[in-house]
């Protein structure tokens, strides 16, 4: 749900800081509450996309590193 909300806010050119706050909340939820690797990796990739669109390089790098830490590769 947060992904769809954030996409709409991006289209409306909403305040970047508020969108970033939602993305951080989403990321913390995924890191703390989702243990299934398939679900976790997919959600973290969506979050990296949001950070890239916002131009948040540091957050993008941190989140992508979490993807790499979580993922066991595409054919595992």
N, C-alpha and C. Protein backbone atom coordinates (compact mmCIF):
# COMPACT_ATOMS: atom_id res chain seq x y z
N UNK A 1 0.83 -1.18 0.00
CA UNK A 1 0.00 0.00 0.00
C UNK A 1 0.88 1.25 0.00
N UNK A 2 1.93 1.23 0.82
CA UNK A 2 2.81 2.40 0.86
C UNK A 2 3.45 2.68 -0.50
N UNK A 3 3.76 1.63 -1.23
CA UNK A 3 4.36 1.82 -2.55
C UNK A 3 3.43 2.62 -3.46
N UNK A 4 2.16 2.25 -3.48
CA UNK A 4 1.20 2.95 -4.33
C UNK A 4 0.99 4.39 -3.87
N UNK A 5 0.96 4.61 -2.57
CA UNK A 5 0.81 5.96 -2.04
C UNK A 5 2.01 6.82 -2.43
N UNK A 6 3.19 6.26 -2.23
CA UNK A 6 4.41 7.01 -2.54
C UNK A 6 4.50 7.31 -4.03
N UNK A 7 4.13 6.36 -4.89
CA UNK A 7 4.14 6.60 -6.34
C UNK A 7 3.24 7.79 -6.69
N UNK A 8 2.05 7.83 -6.08
CA UNK A 8 1.13 8.94 -6.37
C UNK A 8 1.69 10.27 -5.85
N UNK A 9 2.31 10.25 -4.68
CA UNK A 9 2.91 11.47 -4.15
C UNK A 9 4.05 11.96 -5.02
N UNK A 10 4.82 11.04 -5.57
CA UNK A 10 5.90 11.42 -6.50
C UNK A 10 5.33 12.08 -7.76
N UNK A 11 4.25 11.52 -8.27
CA UNK A 11 3.61 12.10 -9.46
C UNK A 11 3.07 13.50 -9.18
N UNK A 12 2.66 13.75 -7.95
CA UNK A 12 2.12 15.05 -7.57
C UNK A 12 3.20 16.04 -7.14
N UNK A 13 4.47 15.61 -7.22
CA UNK A 13 5.60 16.44 -6.79
C UNK A 13 5.43 16.91 -5.34
N UNK A 14 5.02 15.98 -4.50
CA UNK A 14 4.84 16.28 -3.07
C UNK A 14 6.19 16.51 -2.42
N UNK A 15 6.19 17.05 -1.21
CA UNK A 15 7.44 17.36 -0.51
C UNK A 15 8.33 16.13 -0.36
N UNK A 16 9.55 16.27 -0.81
CA UNK A 16 10.51 15.16 -0.79
C UNK A 16 10.75 14.65 0.62
N UNK A 17 10.84 15.55 1.57
CA UNK A 17 11.14 15.13 2.95
C UNK A 17 10.03 14.25 3.52
N UNK A 18 8.80 14.54 3.17
CA UNK A 18 7.69 13.74 3.68
C UNK A 18 7.62 12.38 2.98
N UNK A 19 7.94 12.36 1.69
CA UNK A 19 8.00 11.08 0.98
C UNK A 19 9.12 10.23 1.55
N UNK A 20 10.25 10.86 1.82
CA UNK A 20 11.39 10.14 2.40
C UNK A 20 11.03 9.55 3.76
N UNK A 21 10.27 10.28 4.55
CA UNK A 21 9.83 9.77 5.85
C UNK A 21 8.98 8.51 5.70
N UNK A 22 8.10 8.51 4.71
CA UNK A 22 7.28 7.32 4.45
C UNK A 22 8.15 6.15 4.00
N UNK A 23 9.14 6.43 3.15
CA UNK A 23 10.03 5.38 2.67
C UNK A 23 10.84 4.79 3.83
N UNK A 24 11.29 5.64 4.74
CA UNK A 24 12.05 5.16 5.90
C UNK A 24 11.17 4.29 6.80
N UNK A 25 9.93 4.71 7.00
CA UNK A 25 8.99 3.92 7.79
C UNK A 25 8.77 2.55 7.16
N UNK A 26 8.58 2.54 5.85
CA UNK A 26 8.38 1.30 5.08
C UNK A 26 9.60 0.40 5.20
N UNK A 27 10.79 0.99 5.04
CA UNK A 27 12.03 0.21 5.11
C UNK A 27 12.18 -0.43 6.48
N UNK A 28 11.93 0.33 7.55
CA UNK A 28 12.05 -0.23 8.89
C UNK A 28 11.06 -1.36 9.11
N UNK A 29 9.86 -1.21 8.59
CA UNK A 29 8.87 -2.28 8.70
C UNK A 29 9.37 -3.56 8.02
N UNK A 30 9.92 -3.42 6.83
CA UNK A 30 10.42 -4.58 6.08
C UNK A 30 11.60 -5.22 6.81
N UNK A 31 12.55 -4.42 7.25
CA UNK A 31 13.73 -4.95 7.91
C UNK A 31 13.40 -5.62 9.24
N UNK A 32 12.45 -5.07 9.97
CA UNK A 32 12.11 -5.60 11.29
C UNK A 32 11.04 -6.68 11.27
N UNK A 33 10.18 -6.69 10.24
CA UNK A 33 9.03 -7.57 10.30
C UNK A 33 8.89 -8.62 9.22
N UNK A 34 9.65 -8.51 8.14
CA UNK A 34 9.50 -9.45 7.04
C UNK A 34 10.74 -10.34 6.99
N UNK A 35 10.52 -11.64 7.14
CA UNK A 35 11.65 -12.56 7.14
C UNK A 35 11.74 -13.42 5.88
N UNK A 36 10.66 -13.51 5.13
CA UNK A 36 10.67 -14.26 3.89
C UNK A 36 11.57 -13.54 2.89
N UNK A 37 12.61 -14.25 2.42
CA UNK A 37 13.59 -13.61 1.53
C UNK A 37 12.99 -13.09 0.24
N UNK A 38 12.05 -13.82 -0.34
CA UNK A 38 11.43 -13.39 -1.60
C UNK A 38 10.67 -12.09 -1.40
N UNK A 39 9.86 -12.02 -0.36
CA UNK A 39 9.08 -10.82 -0.08
C UNK A 39 9.97 -9.66 0.33
N UNK A 40 10.93 -9.95 1.17
CA UNK A 40 11.84 -8.92 1.68
C UNK A 40 12.64 -8.28 0.54
N UNK A 41 13.19 -9.11 -0.33
CA UNK A 41 13.99 -8.61 -1.45
C UNK A 41 13.15 -7.76 -2.39
N UNK A 42 11.95 -8.22 -2.72
CA UNK A 42 11.07 -7.48 -3.62
C UNK A 42 10.72 -6.10 -3.04
N UNK A 43 10.38 -6.07 -1.77
CA UNK A 43 10.01 -4.80 -1.14
C UNK A 43 11.21 -3.85 -1.04
N UNK A 44 12.36 -4.38 -0.69
CA UNK A 44 13.55 -3.54 -0.60
C UNK A 44 13.94 -2.97 -1.96
N UNK A 45 13.74 -3.74 -3.02
CA UNK A 45 14.02 -3.21 -4.37
C UNK A 45 13.07 -2.06 -4.72
N UNK A 46 11.83 -2.17 -4.30
CA UNK A 46 10.88 -1.07 -4.53
C UNK A 46 11.32 0.18 -3.77
N UNK A 47 11.81 -0.03 -2.56
CA UNK A 47 12.27 1.10 -1.75
C UNK A 47 13.50 1.75 -2.39
N UNK A 48 14.40 0.94 -2.92
CA UNK A 48 15.57 1.51 -3.60
C UNK A 48 15.15 2.36 -4.79
N UNK A 49 14.12 1.92 -5.49
CA UNK A 49 13.60 2.70 -6.61
C UNK A 49 13.11 4.07 -6.14
N UNK A 50 12.40 4.09 -5.03
CA UNK A 50 11.89 5.35 -4.48
C UNK A 50 13.05 6.27 -4.12
N UNK A 51 14.06 5.73 -3.44
CA UNK A 51 15.21 6.56 -3.07
C UNK A 51 15.95 7.07 -4.32
N UNK A 52 16.03 6.27 -5.34
CA UNK A 52 16.68 6.72 -6.58
C UNK A 52 15.89 7.87 -7.20
N UNK A 53 14.57 7.74 -7.23
CA UNK A 53 13.73 8.81 -7.79
C UNK A 53 13.82 10.09 -6.97
N UNK A 54 14.04 9.95 -5.68
CA UNK A 54 14.18 11.11 -4.81
C UNK A 54 15.59 11.70 -4.85
N UNK A 55 16.53 10.97 -5.46
CA UNK A 55 17.91 11.43 -5.52
C UNK A 55 18.66 11.26 -4.21
N UNK A 56 18.22 10.32 -3.39
CA UNK A 56 18.83 10.05 -2.08
C UNK A 56 19.85 8.92 -2.23
N UNK A 57 21.06 9.29 -2.64
CA UNK A 57 22.10 8.31 -2.96
C UNK A 57 22.51 7.46 -1.77
N UNK A 58 22.71 8.09 -0.63
CA UNK A 58 23.15 7.35 0.55
C UNK A 58 22.10 6.32 0.99
N UNK A 59 20.84 6.75 1.02
CA UNK A 59 19.75 5.85 1.41
C UNK A 59 19.60 4.73 0.38
N UNK A 60 19.76 5.08 -0.89
CA UNK A 60 19.71 4.08 -1.96
C UNK A 60 20.79 3.02 -1.72
N UNK A 61 22.01 3.47 -1.48
CA UNK A 61 23.13 2.54 -1.28
C UNK A 61 22.89 1.63 -0.07
N UNK A 62 22.43 2.22 1.03
CA UNK A 62 22.17 1.42 2.24
C UNK A 62 21.09 0.38 2.00
N UNK A 63 20.03 0.79 1.33
CA UNK A 63 18.92 -0.13 1.09
C UNK A 63 19.32 -1.21 0.10
N UNK A 64 20.08 -0.84 -0.93
CA UNK A 64 20.52 -1.84 -1.90
C UNK A 64 21.46 -2.85 -1.24
N UNK A 65 22.27 -2.38 -0.30
CA UNK A 65 23.14 -3.32 0.43
C UNK A 65 22.29 -4.31 1.22
N UNK A 66 21.17 -3.87 1.78
CA UNK A 66 20.25 -4.78 2.47
C UNK A 66 19.66 -5.80 1.50
N UNK A 67 19.40 -5.36 0.27
CA UNK A 67 18.93 -6.30 -0.76
C UNK A 67 19.97 -7.38 -0.98
N UNK A 68 21.22 -6.97 -1.14
CA UNK A 68 22.29 -7.94 -1.37
C UNK A 68 22.49 -8.86 -0.17
N UNK A 69 22.32 -8.33 1.02
CA UNK A 69 22.45 -9.14 2.23
C UNK A 69 21.32 -10.16 2.34
N UNK A 70 20.16 -9.81 1.83
CA UNK A 70 18.97 -10.64 1.96
C UNK A 70 18.87 -11.67 0.84
N UNK A 71 19.14 -11.23 -0.37
CA UNK A 71 18.93 -12.07 -1.54
C UNK A 71 19.93 -13.20 -1.60
N UNK A 72 19.46 -14.34 -2.09
CA UNK A 72 20.36 -15.48 -2.31
C UNK A 72 20.54 -15.72 -3.81
N UNK A 73 20.24 -14.71 -4.60
CA UNK A 73 20.37 -14.82 -6.03
C UNK A 73 19.08 -15.18 -6.71
N UNK A 74 18.97 -14.91 -8.00
CA UNK A 74 17.71 -15.12 -8.71
C UNK A 74 17.31 -16.57 -8.93
N UNK A 75 18.27 -17.48 -8.86
CA UNK A 75 17.93 -18.88 -9.15
C UNK A 75 17.99 -19.76 -7.92
N UNK A 76 18.20 -19.21 -6.76
CA UNK A 76 18.32 -19.99 -5.52
C UNK A 76 17.05 -20.57 -5.12
